Amino acid sequence: MATHTLTHYQILDLDPTATQAEIKQAYRRLAKQFHPDSNRATASHDRISRINAAYEVLGDPQSRRSYDQQLKYSEAGYSEAELRSRRERNEAAQAKYRQQREAEQNADNQLKLWLKLFTSVNRILNQIIRPLKSQINELAADPFDDELMENFQAYLEECQELLAKAQQNFRSIPNPPSAAGAAANLYYCLNQLSDGIDELSYFTNNYDDHHLRNGRELFRIADGLRKDAQAAVREIPR
């Protein structure tokens, strides 16, 4: 801003400390004085254009603050190139800040969705794991009883359906970086349950206790991983 150029305040015949109300009053007075339709004797197209331009800046508090900052830099001896460089740096910093805020908001939303999904998957895992002990105890009364074995097989079929639902839910959205530990435990839990259900199914076909023991152990490991996932979720910063 060259020193010979009038400031917007000077164009409106105002002090830089003027209030917004005073700026508005000065604009109305000068616009009436120099507008062709109001006063042909003092009409000036150039003058009214500069008055309009000055009011467009000073009439808006936000643009006025930016303009006041430019005046300070100009009074301090900064060149137009330096002022332009400062504006560009400020705009770049503001744009970067907005991008960071948007990224943080997106990450927060993604985490909220994932935590909701985790609650749903954990509920399904409970439906698979918790009944196993009572199911095995019932079957132990007589593993060769057809009705008892059919009931146990029905439980395993339900486990397969629930597991498929849990796996589908788990894969439905990406894991947020902050939930990586919990997601890893959940992933391994699902795999252990899948293998455990297979082992228990083998037992229903050949009555080999080896498969029954393996199935129970895999379920136990899966339950531990599920609890580890819950603990990891509690540690996630909100």
C-alpha atoms as a PDB file:
ATOM      1  CA  MET A   1       0.000   0.000   0.000  1.00  0.00           C
ATOM      2  CA  ALA A   2       1.765   3.138  -1.231  1.00  0.00           C
ATOM      3  CA  THR A   3       1.988   6.097   1.123  1.00  0.00           C
ATOM      4  CA  HIS A   4       0.302   8.483  -1.330  1.00  0.00           C
ATOM      5  CA  THR A   5      -2.811   6.299  -1.585  1.00  0.00           C
ATOM      6  CA  LEU A   6      -5.669   7.347   0.649  1.00  0.00           C
ATOM      7  CA  THR A   7      -6.788   4.755   3.167  1.00  0.00           C
ATOM      8  CA  HIS A   8     -10.400   3.648   3.315  1.00  0.00           C
ATOM      9  CA  TYR A   9     -10.721   5.590   6.557  1.00  0.00           C
ATOM     10  CA  GLN A  10      -9.461   8.765   4.884  1.00  0.00           C
ATOM     11  CA  ILE A  11     -11.849   8.275   1.954  1.00  0.00           C
ATOM     12  CA  LEU A  12     -14.754   8.134   4.406  1.00  0.00           C
ATOM     13  CA  ASP A  13     -13.253  10.993   6.468  1.00  0.00           C
ATOM     14  CA  LEU A  14     -13.025   8.783   9.537  1.00  0.00           C
ATOM     15  CA  ASP A  15     -10.583   7.974  12.290  1.00  0.00           C
ATOM     16  CA  PRO A  16      -9.388   4.312  12.375  1.00  0.00           C
ATOM     17  CA  THR A  17     -11.016   4.015  15.807  1.00  0.00           C
ATOM     18  CA  ALA A  18     -14.485   4.753  14.400  1.00  0.00           C
ATOM     19  CA  THR A  19     -17.304   2.448  15.419  1.00  0.00           C
ATOM     20  CA  GLN A  20     -19.287   0.399  12.896  1.00  0.00           C
ATOM     21  CA  ALA A  21     -22.225   2.757  13.417  1.00  0.00           C
ATOM     22  CA  GLU A  22     -20.037   5.782  12.643  1.00  0.00           C
ATOM     23  CA  ILE A  23     -18.731   4.090   9.494  1.00  0.00           C
ATOM     24  CA  LYS A  24     -22.275   3.475   8.315  1.00  0.00           C
ATOM     25  CA  GLN A  25     -23.302   7.072   9.031  1.00  0.00           C
ATOM     26  CA  ALA A  26     -20.258   8.461   7.175  1.00  0.00           C
ATOM     27  CA  TYR A  27     -20.963   6.278   4.155  1.00  0.00           C
ATOM     28  CA  ARG A  28     -24.582   7.402   3.941  1.00  0.00           C
ATOM     29  CA  ARG A  29     -23.596  11.071   4.230  1.00  0.00           C
ATOM     30  CA  LEU A  30     -20.901  10.845   1.542  1.00  0.00           C
ATOM     31  CA  ALA A  31     -22.958   8.666  -0.776  1.00  0.00           C
ATOM     32  CA  LYS A  32     -25.751  11.206  -0.675  1.00  0.00           C
ATOM     33  CA  GLN A  33     -23.305  14.072  -1.245  1.00  0.00           C
ATOM     34  CA  PHE A  34     -21.484  12.608  -4.260  1.00  0.00           C
ATOM     35  CA  HIS A  35     -24.101  10.370  -5.893  1.00  0.00           C
ATOM     36  CA  PRO A  36     -25.348  11.742  -9.274  1.00  0.00           C
ATOM     37  CA  ASP A  37     -28.959  11.015  -8.462  1.00  0.00           C
ATOM     38  CA  SER A  38     -28.778  12.881  -5.155  1.00  0.00           C
ATOM     39  CA  ASN A  39     -26.699  15.942  -5.861  1.00  0.00           C
ATOM     40  CA  ARG A  40     -25.651  16.860  -9.404  1.00  0.00           C
ATOM     41  CA  ALA A  41     -23.547  19.782  -8.187  1.00  0.00           C
ATOM     42  CA  THR A  42     -21.116  17.592  -6.266  1.00  0.00           C
ATOM     43  CA  ALA A  43     -21.604  14.347  -8.233  1.00  0.00           C
ATOM     44  CA  SER A  44     -18.426  12.401  -8.909  1.00  0.00           C
ATOM     45  CA  HIS A  45     -18.372   8.907 -10.400  1.00  0.00           C
ATOM     46  CA  ASP A  46     -14.776   8.325  -9.313  1.00  0.00           C
ATOM     47  CA  ARG A  47     -15.423   9.592  -5.788  1.00  0.00           C
ATOM     48  CA  ILE A  48     -18.555   7.514  -5.291  1.00  0.00           C
ATOM     49  CA  SER A  49     -16.724   4.409  -6.575  1.00  0.00           C
ATOM     50  CA  ARG A  50     -13.964   4.899  -3.980  1.00  0.00           C
ATOM     51  CA  ILE A  51     -16.565   5.554  -1.266  1.00  0.00           C
ATOM     52  CA  ASN A  52     -18.385   2.334  -2.149  1.00  0.00           C
ATOM     53  CA  ALA A  53     -15.136   0.359  -2.207  1.00  0.00           C
ATOM     54  CA  ALA A  54     -14.113   1.753   1.190  1.00  0.00           C
ATOM     55  CA  TYR A  55     -17.459   0.951   2.767  1.00  0.00           C
ATOM     56  CA  GLU A  56     -17.469  -2.548   1.292  1.00  0.00           C
ATOM     57  CA  VAL A  57     -14.315  -3.238   3.319  1.00  0.00           C
ATOM     58  CA  LEU A  58     -14.947  -1.241   6.484  1.00  0.00           C
ATOM     59  CA  GLY A  59     -18.659  -2.023   6.679  1.00  0.00           C
ATOM     60  CA  ASP A  60     -17.930  -5.710   7.301  1.00  0.00           C
ATOM     61  CA  PRO A  61     -16.198  -6.312  10.680  1.00  0.00           C
ATOM     62  CA  GLN A  62     -14.236  -9.314   9.468  1.00  0.00           C
ATOM     63  CA  SER A  63     -12.890  -7.670   6.322  1.00  0.00           C
ATOM     64  CA  ARG A  64     -12.204  -4.516   8.368  1.00  0.00           C
ATOM     65  CA  ARG A  65     -10.021  -6.503  10.786  1.00  0.00           C
ATOM     66  CA  SER A  66      -8.054  -7.901   7.873  1.00  0.00           C
ATOM     67  CA  TYR A  67      -7.682  -4.428   6.362  1.00  0.00           C
ATOM     68  CA  ASP A  68      -6.555  -2.955   9.697  1.00  0.00           C
ATOM     69  CA  GLN A  69      -3.857  -5.627   9.874  1.00  0.00           C
ATOM     70  CA  GLN A  70      -2.687  -4.660   6.385  1.00  0.00           C
ATOM     71  CA  LEU A  71      -2.494  -1.010   7.453  1.00  0.00           C
ATOM     72  CA  LYS A  72      -0.299  -1.939  10.403  1.00  0.00           C
ATOM     73  CA  TYR A  73       2.075  -3.860   8.163  1.00  0.00           C
ATOM     74  CA  SER A  74       2.111  -0.985   5.673  1.00  0.00           C
ATOM     75  CA  GLU A  75       2.898   1.554   8.403  1.00  0.00           C
ATOM     76  CA  ALA A  76       5.709  -0.724   9.552  1.00  0.00           C
ATOM     77  CA  GLY A  77       7.297  -0.408   6.102  1.00  0.00           C
ATOM     78  CA  TYR A  78       6.366  -3.734   4.510  1.00  0.00           C
ATOM     79  CA  SER A  79       6.211  -3.750   0.695  1.00  0.00           C
ATOM     80  CA  GLU A  80       3.253  -4.954  -1.353  1.00  0.00           C
ATOM     81  CA  ALA A  81       5.160  -8.144  -2.159  1.00  0.00           C
ATOM     82  CA  GLU A  82       5.796  -8.773   1.531  1.00  0.00           C
ATOM     83  CA  LEU A  83       2.164  -8.104   2.376  1.00  0.00           C
ATOM     84  CA  ARG A  84       1.033 -10.474  -0.376  1.00  0.00           C
ATOM     85  CA  SER A  85       3.437 -13.140   0.895  1.00  0.00           C
ATOM     86  CA  ARG A  86       2.084 -12.751   4.425  1.00  0.00           C
ATOM     87  CA  ARG A  87      -1.508 -13.021   3.203  1.00  0.00           C
ATOM     88  CA  GLU A  88      -0.668 -16.133   1.220  1.00  0.00           C
ATOM     89  CA  ARG A  89       1.037 -17.725   4.232  1.00  0.00           C
ATOM     90  CA  ASN A  90      -1.922 -16.860   6.447  1.00  0.00           C
ATOM     91  CA  GLU A  91      -4.374 -18.290   3.920  1.00  0.00           C
ATOM     92  CA  ALA A  92      -2.271 -21.458   3.567  1.00  0.00           C
ATOM     93  CA  ALA A  93      -2.100 -21.845   7.363  1.00  0.00           C
ATOM     94  CA  GLN A  94      -5.863 -21.359   7.658  1.00  0.00           C
ATOM     95  CA  ALA A  95      -6.504 -23.892   4.879  1.00  0.00           C
ATOM     96  CA  LYS A  96      -4.206 -26.419   6.580  1.00  0.00           C
ATOM     97  CA  TYR A  97      -5.968 -25.855   9.896  1.00  0.00           C
ATOM     98  CA  ARG A  98      -9.369 -26.415   8.276  1.00  0.00           C
ATOM     99  CA  GLN A  99      -8.119 -29.630   6.664  1.00  0.00           C
ATOM    100  CA  GLN A 100      -6.767 -30.860   9.986  1.00  0.00           C
ATOM    101  CA  ARG A 101     -10.056 -30.090  11.731  1.00  0.00           C
ATOM    102  CA  GLU A 102     -12.021 -31.888   9.010  1.00  0.00           C
ATOM    103  CA  ALA A 103      -9.676 -34.888   9.256  1.00  0.00           C
ATOM    104  CA  GLU A 104     -10.083 -34.952  13.051  1.00  0.00           C
ATOM    105  CA  GLN A 105     -13.863 -34.765  12.754  1.00  0.00           C
ATOM    106  CA  ASN A 106     -13.883 -37.559  10.156  1.00  0.00           C
ATOM    107  CA  ALA A 107     -11.652 -39.687  12.408  1.00  0.00           C
ATOM    108  CA  ASP A 108     -13.962 -39.052  15.372  1.00  0.00           C
ATOM    109  CA  ASN A 109     -17.008 -40.060  13.336  1.00  0.00           C
ATOM    110  CA  GLN A 110     -15.250 -43.175  12.047  1.00  0.00           C
ATOM    111  CA  LEU A 111     -14.258 -44.171  15.580  1.00  0.00           C
ATOM    112  CA  LYS A 112     -17.818 -43.686  16.859  1.00  0.00           C
ATOM    113  CA  LEU A 113     -19.150 -45.933  14.096  1.00  0.00           C
ATOM    114  CA  TRP A 114     -16.515 -48.574  14.800  1.00  0.00           C
ATOM    115  CA  LEU A 115     -17.194 -48.566  18.544  1.00  0.00           C
ATOM    116  CA  LYS A 116     -20.881 -49.068  17.817  1.00  0.00           C
ATOM    117  CA  LEU A 117     -19.965 -51.968  15.531  1.00  0.00           C
ATOM    118  CA  PHE A 118     -17.661 -53.431  18.211  1.00  0.00           C
ATOM    119  CA  THR A 119     -20.522 -53.455  20.713  1.00  0.00           C
ATOM    120  CA  SER A 120     -22.687 -55.331  18.206  1.00  0.00           C
ATOM    121  CA  VAL A 121     -19.973 -57.898  17.404  1.00  0.00           C
ATOM    122  CA  ASN A 122     -19.139 -58.406  21.080  1.00  0.00           C
ATOM    123  CA  ARG A 123     -22.807 -59.107  21.808  1.00  0.00           C
ATOM    124  CA  ILE A 124     -22.844 -61.771  19.090  1.00  0.00           C
ATOM    125  CA  LEU A 125     -19.652 -63.357  20.429  1.00  0.00           C
ATOM    126  CA  ASN A 126     -21.276 -63.675  23.851  1.00  0.00           C
ATOM    127  CA  GLN A 127     -24.199 -65.521  22.247  1.00  0.00           C
ATOM    128  CA  ILE A 128     -21.712 -68.027  20.805  1.00  0.00           C
ATOM    129  CA  ILE A 129     -19.306 -68.487  23.718  1.00  0.00           C
ATOM    130  CA  ARG A 130     -21.409 -68.339  26.874  1.00  0.00           C
ATOM    131  CA  PRO A 131     -23.788 -71.283  26.158  1.00  0.00           C
ATOM    132  CA  LEU A 132     -20.950 -73.744  25.369  1.00  0.00           C
ATOM    133  CA  LYS A 133     -20.398 -74.974  28.938  1.00  0.00           C
ATOM    134  CA  SER A 134     -24.082 -75.725  29.571  1.00  0.00           C
ATOM    135  CA  GLN A 135     -24.437 -77.309  26.125  1.00  0.00           C
ATOM    136  CA  ILE A 136     -21.532 -79.673  26.771  1.00  0.00           C
ATOM    137  CA  ASN A 137     -22.852 -80.487  30.255  1.00  0.00           C
ATOM    138  CA  GLU A 138     -26.233 -81.436  28.806  1.00  0.00           C
ATOM    139  CA  LEU A 139     -24.614 -83.583  26.135  1.00  0.00           C
ATOM    140  CA  ALA A 140     -22.341 -85.264  28.703  1.00  0.00           C
ATOM    141  CA  ALA A 141     -25.391 -86.955  30.276  1.00  0.00           C
ATOM    142  CA  ASP A 142     -25.367 -89.317  27.262  1.00  0.00           C
ATOM    143  CA  PRO A 143     -23.386 -88.299  24.130  1.00  0.00           C
ATOM    144  CA  PHE A 144     -25.007 -91.170  22.239  1.00  0.00           C
ATOM    145  CA  ASP A 145     -28.546 -89.974  22.914  1.00  0.00           C
ATOM    146  CA  ASP A 146     -29.940 -88.836  19.566  1.00  0.00           C
ATOM    147  CA  GLU A 147     -32.046 -86.022  20.983  1.00  0.00           C
ATOM    148  CA  LEU A 148     -29.191 -84.604  23.068  1.00  0.00           C
ATOM    149  CA  MET A 149     -26.836 -84.772  20.079  1.00  0.00           C
ATOM    150  CA  GLU A 150     -29.387 -83.083  17.832  1.00  0.00           C
ATOM    151  CA  ASN A 151     -29.726 -80.275  20.364  1.00  0.00           C
ATOM    152  CA  PHE A 152     -25.943 -79.858  20.441  1.00  0.00           C
ATOM    153  CA  GLN A 153     -25.762 -79.846  16.635  1.00  0.00           C
ATOM    154  CA  ALA A 154     -28.520 -77.212  16.525  1.00  0.00           C
ATOM    155  CA  TYR A 155     -26.426 -75.073  18.883  1.00  0.00           C
ATOM    156  CA  LEU A 156     -23.396 -75.418  16.583  1.00  0.00           C
ATOM    157  CA  GLU A 157     -25.471 -74.489  13.524  1.00  0.00           C
ATOM    158  CA  GLU A 158     -26.663 -71.376  15.336  1.00  0.00           C
ATOM    159  CA  CYS A 159     -23.030 -70.617  16.229  1.00  0.00           C
ATOM    160  CA  GLN A 160     -22.090 -70.808  12.543  1.00  0.00           C
ATOM    161  CA  GLU A 161     -24.856 -68.367  11.613  1.00  0.00           C
ATOM    162  CA  LEU A 162     -23.938 -65.949  14.403  1.00  0.00           C
ATOM    163  CA  LEU A 163     -20.243 -66.154  13.520  1.00  0.00           C
ATOM    164  CA  ALA A 164     -20.960 -65.348   9.871  1.00  0.00           C
ATOM    165  CA  LYS A 165     -22.950 -62.303  10.995  1.00  0.00           C
ATOM    166  CA  ALA A 166     -20.149 -61.175  13.320  1.00  0.00           C
ATOM    167  CA  GLN A 167     -17.539 -61.566  10.567  1.00  0.00           C
ATOM    168  CA  GLN A 168     -19.681 -59.608   8.125  1.00  0.00           C
ATOM    169  CA  ASN A 169     -20.156 -56.776  10.631  1.00  0.00           C
ATOM    170  CA  PHE A 170     -16.444 -56.740  11.455  1.00  0.00           C
ATOM    171  CA  ARG A 171     -15.530 -56.305   7.785  1.00  0.00           C
ATOM    172  CA  SER A 172     -18.226 -53.702   7.072  1.00  0.00           C
ATOM    173  CA  ILE A 173     -16.135 -50.624   7.958  1.00  0.00           C
ATOM    174  CA  PRO A 174     -12.359 -49.948   8.145  1.00  0.00           C
ATOM    175  CA  ASN A 175     -10.644 -50.119  11.514  1.00  0.00           C
ATOM    176  CA  PRO A 176      -9.594 -46.651  12.781  1.00  0.00           C
ATOM    177  CA  PRO A 177      -5.858 -46.420  13.618  1.00  0.00           C
ATOM    178  CA  SER A 178      -6.663 -45.742  17.282  1.00  0.00           C
ATOM    179  CA  ALA A 179      -8.599 -49.034  17.445  1.00  0.00           C
ATOM    180  CA  ALA A 180      -5.916 -51.180  15.781  1.00  0.00           C
ATOM    181  CA  GLY A 181      -5.125 -53.169  18.947  1.00  0.00           C
ATOM    182  CA  ALA A 182      -8.744 -53.930  19.737  1.00  0.00           C
ATOM    183  CA  ALA A 183      -9.440 -54.817  16.102  1.00  0.00           C
ATOM    184  CA  ALA A 184      -6.514 -57.259  15.987  1.00  0.00           C
ATOM    185  CA  ASN A 185      -7.762 -59.086  19.102  1.00  0.00           C
ATOM    186  CA  LEU A 186     -11.258 -59.208  17.641  1.00  0.00           C
ATOM    187  CA  TYR A 187      -9.943 -60.594  14.350  1.00  0.00           C
ATOM    188  CA  TYR A 188      -8.055 -63.420  16.062  1.00  0.00           C
ATOM    189  CA  CYS A 189     -11.040 -64.096  18.309  1.00  0.00           C
ATOM    190  CA  LEU A 190     -13.265 -64.660  15.270  1.00  0.00           C
ATOM    191  CA  ASN A 191     -10.686 -67.000  13.725  1.00  0.00           C
ATOM    192  CA  GLN A 192     -10.348 -69.051  16.924  1.00  0.00           C
ATOM    193  CA  LEU A 193     -14.118 -69.391  17.182  1.00  0.00           C
ATOM    194  CA  SER A 194     -14.341 -70.551  13.577  1.00  0.00           C
ATOM    195  CA  ASP A 195     -11.758 -73.274  14.232  1.00  0.00           C
ATOM    196  CA  GLY A 196     -13.428 -74.157  17.543  1.00  0.00           C
ATOM    197  CA  ILE A 197     -16.837 -74.644  15.932  1.00  0.00           C
ATOM    198  CA  ASP A 198     -15.224 -76.883  13.299  1.00  0.00           C
ATOM    199  CA  GLU A 199     -13.599 -79.036  15.996  1.00  0.00           C
ATOM    200  CA  LEU A 200     -16.879 -79.425  17.871  1.00  0.00           C
ATOM    201  CA  SER A 201     -18.610 -80.352  14.617  1.00  0.00           C
ATOM    202  CA  TYR A 202     -16.013 -83.077  14.025  1.00  0.00           C
ATOM    203  CA  PHE A 203     -16.851 -84.465  17.466  1.00  0.00           C
ATOM    204  CA  THR A 204     -20.540 -84.818  16.542  1.00  0.00           C
ATOM    205  CA  ASN A 205     -19.495 -86.960  13.580  1.00  0.00           C
ATOM    206  CA  ASN A 206     -17.028 -89.341  15.226  1.00  0.00           C
ATOM    207  CA  TYR A 207     -17.435 -88.910  19.025  1.00  0.00           C
ATOM    208  CA  ASP A 208     -13.667 -88.421  19.343  1.00  0.00           C
ATOM    209  CA  ASP A 209     -13.034 -86.606  22.642  1.00  0.00           C
ATOM    210  CA  HIS A 210      -9.881 -85.107  21.110  1.00  0.00           C
ATOM    211  CA  HIS A 211     -12.041 -82.803  18.959  1.00  0.00           C
ATOM    212  CA  LEU A 212     -14.223 -81.924  21.936  1.00  0.00           C
ATOM    213  CA  ARG A 213     -11.187 -80.900  23.992  1.00  0.00           C
ATOM    214  CA  ASN A 214      -9.746 -78.909  21.103  1.00  0.00           C
ATOM    215  CA  GLY A 215     -13.045 -77.128  20.557  1.00  0.00           C
ATOM    216  CA  ARG A 216     -13.367 -76.160  24.210  1.00  0.00           C
ATOM    217  CA  GLU A 217      -9.774 -74.880  24.294  1.00  0.00           C
ATOM    218  CA  LEU A 218     -10.259 -72.797  21.152  1.00  0.00           C
ATOM    219  CA  PHE A 219     -13.416 -71.284  22.638  1.00  0.00           C
ATOM    220  CA  ARG A 220     -11.463 -70.488  25.821  1.00  0.00           C
ATOM    221  CA  ILE A 221      -8.724 -68.750  23.801  1.00  0.00           C
ATOM    222  CA  ALA A 222     -11.352 -66.854  21.810  1.00  0.00           C
ATOM    223  CA  ASP A 223     -13.015 -65.631  24.996  1.00  0.00           C
ATOM    224  CA  GLY A 224      -9.646 -64.380  26.273  1.00  0.00           C
ATOM    225  CA  LEU A 225      -9.067 -62.482  23.026  1.00  0.00           C
ATOM    226  CA  ARG A 226     -12.560 -61.008  23.278  1.00  0.00           C
ATOM    227  CA  LYS A 227     -11.787 -59.727  26.770  1.00  0.00           C
ATOM    228  CA  ASP A 228      -8.442 -58.348  25.564  1.00  0.00           C
ATOM    229  CA  ALA A 229     -10.328 -56.475  22.829  1.00  0.00           C
ATOM    230  CA  GLN A 230     -12.694 -55.013  25.418  1.00  0.00           C
ATOM    231  CA  ALA A 231      -9.743 -53.852  27.528  1.00  0.00           C
ATOM    232  CA  ALA A 232      -8.113 -52.266  24.455  1.00  0.00           C
ATOM    233  CA  VAL A 233     -11.351 -50.438  23.623  1.00  0.00           C
ATOM    234  CA  ARG A 234     -11.446 -48.950  27.114  1.00  0.00           C
ATOM    235  CA  GLU A 235      -7.954 -47.530  26.524  1.00  0.00           C
ATOM    236  CA  ILE A 236      -8.876 -45.739  23.288  1.00  0.00           C
ATOM    237  CA  PRO A 237      -8.787 -41.938  23.750  1.00  0.00           C
ATOM    238  CA  ARG A 238     -12.227 -40.378  23.212  1.00  0.00           C
END
